[in-house]
Amino acid sequence: TDLDIGLGLLAAATERLDGARTVL
């Protein structure tokens, strides 16, 4: 559960980044 939620939130967050820098 914790892994699924964390990765799900991170995937959704990457779609909302401003794109001004590389995120690794």
mmCIF file of all heavy atoms, coordinates in Angstrom:
data_MODEL
# 
_entry.id   MODEL 
# 
loop_
_atom_site.group_PDB 
_atom_site.id 
_atom_site.type_symbol 
_atom_site.label_atom_id 
_atom_site.label_alt_id 
_atom_site.label_comp_id 
_atom_site.label_asym_id 
_atom_site.label_entity_id 
_atom_site.label_seq_id 
_atom_site.pdbx_PDB_ins_code 
_atom_site.Cartn_x 
_atom_site.Cartn_y 
_atom_site.Cartn_z 
_atom_site.occupancy 
_atom_site.B_iso_or_equiv 
_atom_site.pdbx_formal_charge 
_atom_site.auth_seq_id 
_atom_site.auth_comp_id 
_atom_site.auth_asym_id 
_atom_site.auth_atom_id 
_atom_site.pdbx_PDB_model_num 
ATOM 1   N N   . THR A 1 1  ? 0.810  -1.223 0.000   1.00 0.00 ? 1  THR A N   1 
ATOM 2   C CA  . THR A 1 1  ? 0.000  0.000  0.000   1.00 0.00 ? 1  THR A CA  1 
ATOM 3   C C   . THR A 1 1  ? 0.841  1.271  0.000   1.00 0.00 ? 1  THR A C   1 
ATOM 4   O O   . THR A 1 1  ? 0.621  2.173  -0.823  1.00 0.00 ? 1  THR A O   1 
ATOM 5   C CB  . THR A 1 1  ? -0.951 0.001  1.213   1.00 0.00 ? 1  THR A CB  1 
ATOM 6   O OG1 . THR A 1 1  ? -1.925 -1.027 1.026   1.00 0.00 ? 1  THR A OG1 1 
ATOM 7   C CG2 . THR A 1 1  ? -1.668 1.336  1.351   1.00 0.00 ? 1  THR A CG2 1 
ATOM 8   N N   . ASP A 1 2  ? 1.794  1.390  0.912   1.00 0.00 ? 2  ASP A N   1 
ATOM 9   C CA  . ASP A 1 2  ? 2.593  2.616  0.981   1.00 0.00 ? 2  ASP A CA  1 
ATOM 10  C C   . ASP A 1 2  ? 3.391  2.836  -0.301  1.00 0.00 ? 2  ASP A C   1 
ATOM 11  O O   . ASP A 1 2  ? 3.531  3.964  -0.771  1.00 0.00 ? 2  ASP A O   1 
ATOM 12  C CB  . ASP A 1 2  ? 3.533  2.571  2.178   1.00 0.00 ? 2  ASP A CB  1 
ATOM 13  C CG  . ASP A 1 2  ? 2.803  2.716  3.508   1.00 0.00 ? 2  ASP A CG  1 
ATOM 14  O OD1 . ASP A 1 2  ? 1.678  3.240  3.517   1.00 0.00 ? 2  ASP A OD1 1 
ATOM 15  O OD2 . ASP A 1 2  ? 3.365  2.294  4.538   1.00 0.00 ? 2  ASP A OD2 1 
ATOM 16  N N   . LEU A 1 3  ? 3.921  1.759  -0.864  1.00 0.00 ? 3  LEU A N   1 
ATOM 17  C CA  . LEU A 1 3  ? 4.674  1.862  -2.110  1.00 0.00 ? 3  LEU A CA  1 
ATOM 18  C C   . LEU A 1 3  ? 3.759  2.266  -3.262  1.00 0.00 ? 3  LEU A C   1 
ATOM 19  O O   . LEU A 1 3  ? 4.109  3.147  -4.064  1.00 0.00 ? 3  LEU A O   1 
ATOM 20  C CB  . LEU A 1 3  ? 5.359  0.533  -2.413  1.00 0.00 ? 3  LEU A CB  1 
ATOM 21  C CG  . LEU A 1 3  ? 6.214  0.474  -3.672  1.00 0.00 ? 3  LEU A CG  1 
ATOM 22  C CD1 . LEU A 1 3  ? 7.375  1.450  -3.594  1.00 0.00 ? 3  LEU A CD1 1 
ATOM 23  C CD2 . LEU A 1 3  ? 6.721  -0.946 -3.917  1.00 0.00 ? 3  LEU A CD2 1 
ATOM 24  N N   . ASP A 1 4  ? 2.579  1.648  -3.353  1.00 0.00 ? 4  ASP A N   1 
ATOM 25  C CA  . ASP A 1 4  ? 1.643  1.973  -4.432  1.00 0.00 ? 4  ASP A CA  1 
ATOM 26  C C   . ASP A 1 4  ? 1.223  3.444  -4.365  1.00 0.00 ? 4  ASP A C   1 
ATOM 27  O O   . ASP A 1 4  ? 1.168  4.135  -5.394  1.00 0.00 ? 4  ASP A O   1 
ATOM 28  C CB  . ASP A 1 4  ? 0.402  1.084  -4.341  1.00 0.00 ? 4  ASP A CB  1 
ATOM 29  C CG  . ASP A 1 4  ? 0.695  -0.374 -4.626  1.00 0.00 ? 4  ASP A CG  1 
ATOM 30  O OD1 . ASP A 1 4  ? 1.698  -0.663 -5.305  1.00 0.00 ? 4  ASP A OD1 1 
ATOM 31  O OD2 . ASP A 1 4  ? -0.083 -1.231 -4.170  1.00 0.00 ? 4  ASP A OD2 1 
ATOM 32  N N   . ILE A 1 5  ? 0.909  3.916  -3.169  1.00 0.00 ? 5  ILE A N   1 
ATOM 33  C CA  . ILE A 1 5  ? 0.475  5.302  -3.021  1.00 0.00 ? 5  ILE A CA  1 
ATOM 34  C C   . ILE A 1 5  ? 1.622  6.258  -3.341  1.00 0.00 ? 5  ILE A C   1 
ATOM 35  O O   . ILE A 1 5  ? 1.445  7.243  -4.073  1.00 0.00 ? 5  ILE A O   1 
ATOM 36  C CB  . ILE A 1 5  ? -0.074 5.544  -1.605  1.00 0.00 ? 5  ILE A CB  1 
ATOM 37  C CG1 . ILE A 1 5  ? -1.412 4.830  -1.427  1.00 0.00 ? 5  ILE A CG1 1 
ATOM 38  C CG2 . ILE A 1 5  ? -0.237 7.045  -1.331  1.00 0.00 ? 5  ILE A CG2 1 
ATOM 39  C CD1 . ILE A 1 5  ? -1.982 4.886  -0.020  1.00 0.00 ? 5  ILE A CD1 1 
ATOM 40  N N   . GLY A 1 6  ? 2.804  5.965  -2.821  1.00 0.00 ? 6  GLY A N   1 
ATOM 41  C CA  . GLY A 1 6  ? 3.930  6.849  -3.075  1.00 0.00 ? 6  GLY A CA  1 
ATOM 42  C C   . GLY A 1 6  ? 4.272  6.970  -4.544  1.00 0.00 ? 6  GLY A C   1 
ATOM 43  O O   . GLY A 1 6  ? 4.452  8.081  -5.063  1.00 0.00 ? 6  GLY A O   1 
ATOM 44  N N   . LEU A 1 7  ? 4.330  5.845  -5.237  1.00 0.00 ? 7  LEU A N   1 
ATOM 45  C CA  . LEU A 1 7  ? 4.648  5.888  -6.664  1.00 0.00 ? 7  LEU A CA  1 
ATOM 46  C C   . LEU A 1 7  ? 3.521  6.512  -7.473  1.00 0.00 ? 7  LEU A C   1 
ATOM 47  O O   . LEU A 1 7  ? 3.768  7.194  -8.467  1.00 0.00 ? 7  LEU A O   1 
ATOM 48  C CB  . LEU A 1 7  ? 4.965  4.477  -7.165  1.00 0.00 ? 7  LEU A CB  1 
ATOM 49  C CG  . LEU A 1 7  ? 6.234  3.841  -6.580  1.00 0.00 ? 7  LEU A CG  1 
ATOM 50  C CD1 . LEU A 1 7  ? 6.462  2.457  -7.184  1.00 0.00 ? 7  LEU A CD1 1 
ATOM 51  C CD2 . LEU A 1 7  ? 7.449  4.727  -6.808  1.00 0.00 ? 7  LEU A CD2 1 
ATOM 52  N N   . GLY A 1 8  ? 2.281  6.289  -7.051  1.00 0.00 ? 8  GLY A N   1 
ATOM 53  C CA  . GLY A 1 8  ? 1.152  6.908  -7.733  1.00 0.00 ? 8  GLY A CA  1 
ATOM 54  C C   . GLY A 1 8  ? 1.171  8.416  -7.604  1.00 0.00 ? 8  GLY A C   1 
ATOM 55  O O   . GLY A 1 8  ? 0.923  9.149  -8.576  1.00 0.00 ? 8  GLY A O   1 
ATOM 56  N N   . LEU A 1 9  ? 1.458  8.908  -6.405  1.00 0.00 ? 9  LEU A N   1 
ATOM 57  C CA  . LEU A 1 9  ? 1.542  10.351 -6.200  1.00 0.00 ? 9  LEU A CA  1 
ATOM 58  C C   . LEU A 1 9  ? 2.709  10.955 -6.978  1.00 0.00 ? 9  LEU A C   1 
ATOM 59  O O   . LEU A 1 9  ? 2.580  12.030 -7.576  1.00 0.00 ? 9  LEU A O   1 
ATOM 60  C CB  . LEU A 1 9  ? 1.699  10.656 -4.710  1.00 0.00 ? 9  LEU A CB  1 
ATOM 61  C CG  . LEU A 1 9  ? 0.492  10.368 -3.822  1.00 0.00 ? 9  LEU A CG  1 
ATOM 62  C CD1 . LEU A 1 9  ? 0.837  10.621 -2.364  1.00 0.00 ? 9  LEU A CD1 1 
ATOM 63  C CD2 . LEU A 1 9  ? -0.707 11.218 -4.231  1.00 0.00 ? 9  LEU A CD2 1 
ATOM 64  N N   . LEU A 1 10 ? 3.846  10.260 -6.988  1.00 0.00 ? 10 LEU A N   1 
ATOM 65  C CA  . LEU A 1 10 ? 5.004  10.784 -7.704  1.00 0.00 ? 10 LEU A CA  1 
ATOM 66  C C   . LEU A 1 10 ? 4.747  10.829 -9.206  1.00 0.00 ? 10 LEU A C   1 
ATOM 67  O O   . LEU A 1 10 ? 5.109  11.804 -9.881  1.00 0.00 ? 10 LEU A O   1 
ATOM 68  C CB  . LEU A 1 10 ? 6.228  9.927  -7.391  1.00 0.00 ? 10 LEU A CB  1 
ATOM 69  C CG  . LEU A 1 10 ? 7.559  10.383 -7.986  1.00 0.00 ? 10 LEU A CG  1 
ATOM 70  C CD1 . LEU A 1 10 ? 7.870  11.817 -7.604  1.00 0.00 ? 10 LEU A CD1 1 
ATOM 71  C CD2 . LEU A 1 10 ? 8.680  9.454  -7.532  1.00 0.00 ? 10 LEU A CD2 1 
ATOM 72  N N   . ALA A 1 11 ? 4.104  9.798  -9.752  1.00 0.00 ? 11 ALA A N   1 
ATOM 73  C CA  . ALA A 1 11 ? 3.782  9.802  -11.185 1.00 0.00 ? 11 ALA A CA  1 
ATOM 74  C C   . ALA A 1 11 ? 2.862  10.967 -11.529 1.00 0.00 ? 11 ALA A C   1 
ATOM 75  O O   . ALA A 1 11 ? 3.047  11.646 -12.545 1.00 0.00 ? 11 ALA A O   1 
ATOM 76  C CB  . ALA A 1 11 ? 3.138  8.475  -11.574 1.00 0.00 ? 11 ALA A CB  1 
ATOM 77  N N   . ALA A 1 12 ? 1.860  11.213 -10.675 1.00 0.00 ? 12 ALA A N   1 
ATOM 78  C CA  . ALA A 1 12 ? 0.951  12.331 -10.924 1.00 0.00 ? 12 ALA A CA  1 
ATOM 79  C C   . ALA A 1 12 ? 1.667  13.666 -10.770 1.00 0.00 ? 12 ALA A C   1 
ATOM 80  O O   . ALA A 1 12 ? 1.382  14.630 -11.492 1.00 0.00 ? 12 ALA A O   1 
ATOM 81  C CB  . ALA A 1 12 ? -0.241 12.253 -9.972  1.00 0.00 ? 12 ALA A CB  1 
ATOM 82  N N   . ALA A 1 13 ? 2.608  13.747 -9.838  1.00 0.00 ? 13 ALA A N   1 
ATOM 83  C CA  . ALA A 1 13 ? 3.342  14.993 -9.629  1.00 0.00 ? 13 ALA A CA  1 
ATOM 84  C C   . ALA A 1 13 ? 4.212  15.337 -10.823 1.00 0.00 ? 13 ALA A C   1 
ATOM 85  O O   . ALA A 1 13 ? 4.352  16.517 -11.182 1.00 0.00 ? 13 ALA A O   1 
ATOM 86  C CB  . ALA A 1 13 ? 4.196  14.888 -8.361  1.00 0.00 ? 13 ALA A CB  1 
ATOM 87  N N   . THR A 1 14 ? 4.824  14.339 -11.458 1.00 0.00 ? 14 THR A N   1 
ATOM 88  C CA  . THR A 1 14 ? 5.714  14.631 -12.591 1.00 0.00 ? 14 THR A CA  1 
ATOM 89  C C   . THR A 1 14 ? 4.956  15.262 -13.748 1.00 0.00 ? 14 THR A C   1 
ATOM 90  O O   . THR A 1 14 ? 5.552  15.981 -14.560 1.00 0.00 ? 14 THR A O   1 
ATOM 91  C CB  . THR A 1 14 ? 6.434  13.352 -13.074 1.00 0.00 ? 14 THR A CB  1 
ATOM 92  O OG1 . THR A 1 14 ? 5.467  12.379 -13.492 1.00 0.00 ? 14 THR A OG1 1 
ATOM 93  C CG2 . THR A 1 14 ? 7.303  12.774 -11.973 1.00 0.00 ? 14 THR A CG2 1 
ATOM 94  N N   . GLU A 1 15 ? 3.660  15.026 -13.821 1.00 0.00 ? 15 GLU A N   1 
ATOM 95  C CA  . GLU A 1 15 ? 2.844  15.643 -14.870 1.00 0.00 ? 15 GLU A CA  1 
ATOM 96  C C   . GLU A 1 15 ? 2.536  17.106 -14.574 1.00 0.00 ? 15 GLU A C   1 
ATOM 97  O O   . GLU A 1 15 ? 2.034  17.822 -15.440 1.00 0.00 ? 15 GLU A O   1 
ATOM 98  C CB  . GLU A 1 15 ? 1.542  14.868 -15.032 1.00 0.00 ? 15 GLU A CB  1 
ATOM 99  C CG  . GLU A 1 15 ? 1.731  13.409 -15.441 1.00 0.00 ? 15 GLU A CG  1 
ATOM 100 C CD  . GLU A 1 15 ? 0.430  12.632 -15.446 1.00 0.00 ? 15 GLU A CD  1 
ATOM 101 O OE1 . GLU A 1 15 ? -0.607 13.226 -15.026 1.00 0.00 ? 15 GLU A OE1 1 
ATOM 102 O OE2 . GLU A 1 15 ? 0.438  11.459 -15.854 1.00 0.00 ? 15 GLU A OE2 1 
ATOM 103 N N   . ARG A 1 16 ? 2.841  17.538 -13.343 1.00 0.00 ? 16 ARG A N   1 
ATOM 104 C CA  . ARG A 1 16 ? 2.504  18.893 -12.909 1.00 0.00 ? 16 ARG A CA  1 
ATOM 105 C C   . ARG A 1 16 ? 3.729  19.781 -12.720 1.00 0.00 ? 16 ARG A C   1 
ATOM 106 O O   . ARG A 1 16 ? 3.590  20.936 -12.313 1.00 0.00 ? 16 ARG A O   1 
ATOM 107 C CB  . ARG A 1 16 ? 1.712  18.817 -11.594 1.00 0.00 ? 16 ARG A CB  1 
ATOM 108 C CG  . ARG A 1 16 ? 0.335  18.194 -11.745 1.00 0.00 ? 16 ARG A CG  1 
ATOM 109 C CD  . ARG A 1 16 ? -0.256 17.802 -10.395 1.00 0.00 ? 16 ARG A CD  1 
ATOM 110 N NE  . ARG A 1 16 ? -1.686 17.526 -10.456 1.00 0.00 ? 16 ARG A NE  1 
ATOM 111 C CZ  . ARG A 1 16 ? -2.230 16.404 -10.927 1.00 0.00 ? 16 ARG A CZ  1 
ATOM 112 N NH1 . ARG A 1 16 ? -1.429 15.431 -11.377 1.00 0.00 ? 16 ARG A NH1 1 
ATOM 113 N NH2 . ARG A 1 16 ? -3.526 16.236 -10.959 1.00 0.00 ? 16 ARG A NH2 1 
ATOM 114 N N   . LEU A 1 17 ? 4.923  19.270 -13.004 1.00 0.00 ? 17 LEU A N   1 
ATOM 115 C CA  . LEU A 1 17 ? 6.138  20.057 -12.829 1.00 0.00 ? 17 LEU A CA  1 
ATOM 116 C C   . LEU A 1 17 ? 6.215  21.181 -13.852 1.00 0.00 ? 17 LEU A C   1 
ATOM 117 O O   . LEU A 1 17 ? 5.664  21.078 -14.957 1.00 0.00 ? 17 LEU A O   1 
ATOM 118 C CB  . LEU A 1 17 ? 7.361  19.153 -12.949 1.00 0.00 ? 17 LEU A CB  1 
ATOM 119 C CG  . LEU A 1 17 ? 7.499  18.075 -11.876 1.00 0.00 ? 17 LEU A CG  1 
ATOM 120 C CD1 . LEU A 1 17 ? 8.635  17.123 -12.231 1.00 0.00 ? 17 LEU A CD1 1 
ATOM 121 C CD2 . LEU A 1 17 ? 7.719  18.687 -10.506 1.00 0.00 ? 17 LEU A CD2 1 
ATOM 122 N N   . ASP A 1 18 ? 6.946  22.249 -13.505 1.00 0.00 ? 18 ASP A N   1 
ATOM 123 C CA  . ASP A 1 18 ? 7.014  23.382 -14.429 1.00 0.00 ? 18 ASP A CA  1 
ATOM 124 C C   . ASP A 1 18 ? 7.954  23.139 -15.599 1.00 0.00 ? 18 ASP A C   1 
ATOM 125 O O   . ASP A 1 18 ? 7.979  23.924 -16.550 1.00 0.00 ? 18 ASP A O   1 
ATOM 126 C CB  . ASP A 1 18 ? 7.385  24.673 -13.686 1.00 0.00 ? 18 ASP A CB  1 
ATOM 127 C CG  . ASP A 1 18 ? 8.790  24.655 -13.092 1.00 0.00 ? 18 ASP A CG  1 
ATOM 128 O OD1 . ASP A 1 18 ? 9.612  23.808 -13.489 1.00 0.00 ? 18 ASP A OD1 1 
ATOM 129 O OD2 . ASP A 1 18 ? 9.069  25.506 -12.231 1.00 0.00 ? 18 ASP A OD2 1 
ATOM 130 N N   . GLY A 1 19 ? 8.747  22.056 -15.560 1.00 0.00 ? 19 GLY A N   1 
ATOM 131 C CA  . GLY A 1 19 ? 9.588  21.708 -16.695 1.00 0.00 ? 19 GLY A CA  1 
ATOM 132 C C   . GLY A 1 19 ? 10.841 22.538 -16.841 1.00 0.00 ? 19 GLY A C   1 
ATOM 133 O O   . GLY A 1 19 ? 11.532 22.454 -17.847 1.00 0.00 ? 19 GLY A O   1 
ATOM 134 N N   . ALA A 1 20 ? 11.184 23.335 -15.818 1.00 0.00 ? 20 ALA A N   1 
ATOM 135 C CA  . ALA A 1 20 ? 12.324 24.247 -15.944 1.00 0.00 ? 20 ALA A CA  1 
ATOM 136 C C   . ALA A 1 20 ? 13.659 23.578 -15.688 1.00 0.00 ? 20 ALA A C   1 
ATOM 137 O O   . ALA A 1 20 ? 14.707 24.182 -15.933 1.00 0.00 ? 20 ALA A O   1 
ATOM 138 C CB  . ALA A 1 20 ? 12.142 25.419 -14.975 1.00 0.00 ? 20 ALA A CB  1 
ATOM 139 N N   . ARG A 1 21 ? 13.647 22.341 -15.171 1.00 0.00 ? 21 ARG A N   1 
ATOM 140 C CA  . ARG A 1 21 ? 14.914 21.671 -14.852 1.00 0.00 ? 21 ARG A CA  1 
ATOM 141 C C   . ARG A 1 21 ? 14.722 20.166 -14.941 1.00 0.00 ? 21 ARG A C   1 
ATOM 142 O O   . ARG A 1 21 ? 13.596 19.665 -14.909 1.00 0.00 ? 21 ARG A O   1 
ATOM 143 C CB  . ARG A 1 21 ? 15.390 22.055 -13.448 1.00 0.00 ? 21 ARG A CB  1 
ATOM 144 C CG  . ARG A 1 21 ? 14.377 21.711 -12.373 1.00 0.00 ? 21 ARG A CG  1 
ATOM 145 C CD  . ARG A 1 21 ? 14.622 22.447 -11.102 1.00 0.00 ? 21 ARG A CD  1 
ATOM 146 N NE  . ARG A 1 21 ? 14.808 23.865 -11.315 1.00 0.00 ? 21 ARG A NE  1 
ATOM 147 C CZ  . ARG A 1 21 ? 13.810 24.733 -11.519 1.00 0.00 ? 21 ARG A CZ  1 
ATOM 148 N NH1 . ARG A 1 21 ? 12.548 24.305 -11.561 1.00 0.00 ? 21 ARG A NH1 1 
ATOM 149 N NH2 . ARG A 1 21 ? 14.047 25.993 -11.708 1.00 0.00 ? 21 ARG A NH2 1 
ATOM 150 N N   . THR A 1 22 ? 15.834 19.462 -15.038 1.00 0.00 ? 22 THR A N   1 
ATOM 151 C CA  . THR A 1 22 ? 15.791 18.012 -15.086 1.00 0.00 ? 22 THR A CA  1 
ATOM 152 C C   . THR A 1 22 ? 15.465 17.459 -13.704 1.00 0.00 ? 22 THR A C   1 
ATOM 153 O O   . THR A 1 22 ? 16.024 17.889 -12.696 1.00 0.00 ? 22 THR A O   1 
ATOM 154 C CB  . THR A 1 22 ? 17.134 17.455 -15.559 1.00 0.00 ? 22 THR A CB  1 
ATOM 155 O OG1 . THR A 1 22 ? 17.402 17.936 -16.878 1.00 0.00 ? 22 THR A OG1 1 
ATOM 156 C CG2 . THR A 1 22 ? 17.127 15.929 -15.559 1.00 0.00 ? 22 THR A CG2 1 
ATOM 157 N N   . VAL A 1 23 ? 14.565 16.492 -13.658 1.00 0.00 ? 23 VAL A N   1 
ATOM 158 C CA  . VAL A 1 23 ? 14.220 15.790 -12.426 1.00 0.00 ? 23 VAL A CA  1 
ATOM 159 C C   . VAL A 1 23 ? 14.604 14.331 -12.610 1.00 0.00 ? 23 VAL A C   1 
ATOM 160 O O   . VAL A 1 23 ? 14.202 13.685 -13.582 1.00 0.00 ? 23 VAL A O   1 
ATOM 161 C CB  . VAL A 1 23 ? 12.723 15.929 -12.092 1.00 0.00 ? 23 VAL A CB  1 
ATOM 162 C CG1 . VAL A 1 23 ? 12.352 15.069 -10.891 1.00 0.00 ? 23 VAL A CG1 1 
ATOM 163 C CG2 . VAL A 1 23 ? 12.369 17.388 -11.829 1.00 0.00 ? 23 VAL A CG2 1 
ATOM 164 N N   . LEU A 1 24 ? 15.401 13.825 -11.681 1.00 0.00 ? 24 LEU A N   1 
ATOM 165 C CA  . LEU A 1 24 ? 15.891 12.457 -11.733 1.00 0.00 ? 24 LEU A CA  1 
ATOM 166 C C   . LEU A 1 24 ? 15.206 11.642 -10.652 1.00 0.00 ? 24 LEU A C   1 
ATOM 167 O O   . LEU A 1 24 ? 15.366 11.918 -9.454  1.00 0.00 ? 24 LEU A O   1 
ATOM 168 C CB  . LEU A 1 24 ? 17.407 12.432 -11.520 1.00 0.00 ? 24 LEU A CB  1 
ATOM 169 C CG  . LEU A 1 24 ? 18.238 13.126 -12.601 1.00 0.00 ? 24 LEU A CG  1 
ATOM 170 C CD1 . LEU A 1 24 ? 19.618 13.458 -12.076 1.00 0.00 ? 24 LEU A CD1 1 
ATOM 171 C CD2 . LEU A 1 24 ? 18.328 12.246 -13.838 1.00 0.00 ? 24 LEU A CD2 1 
# 
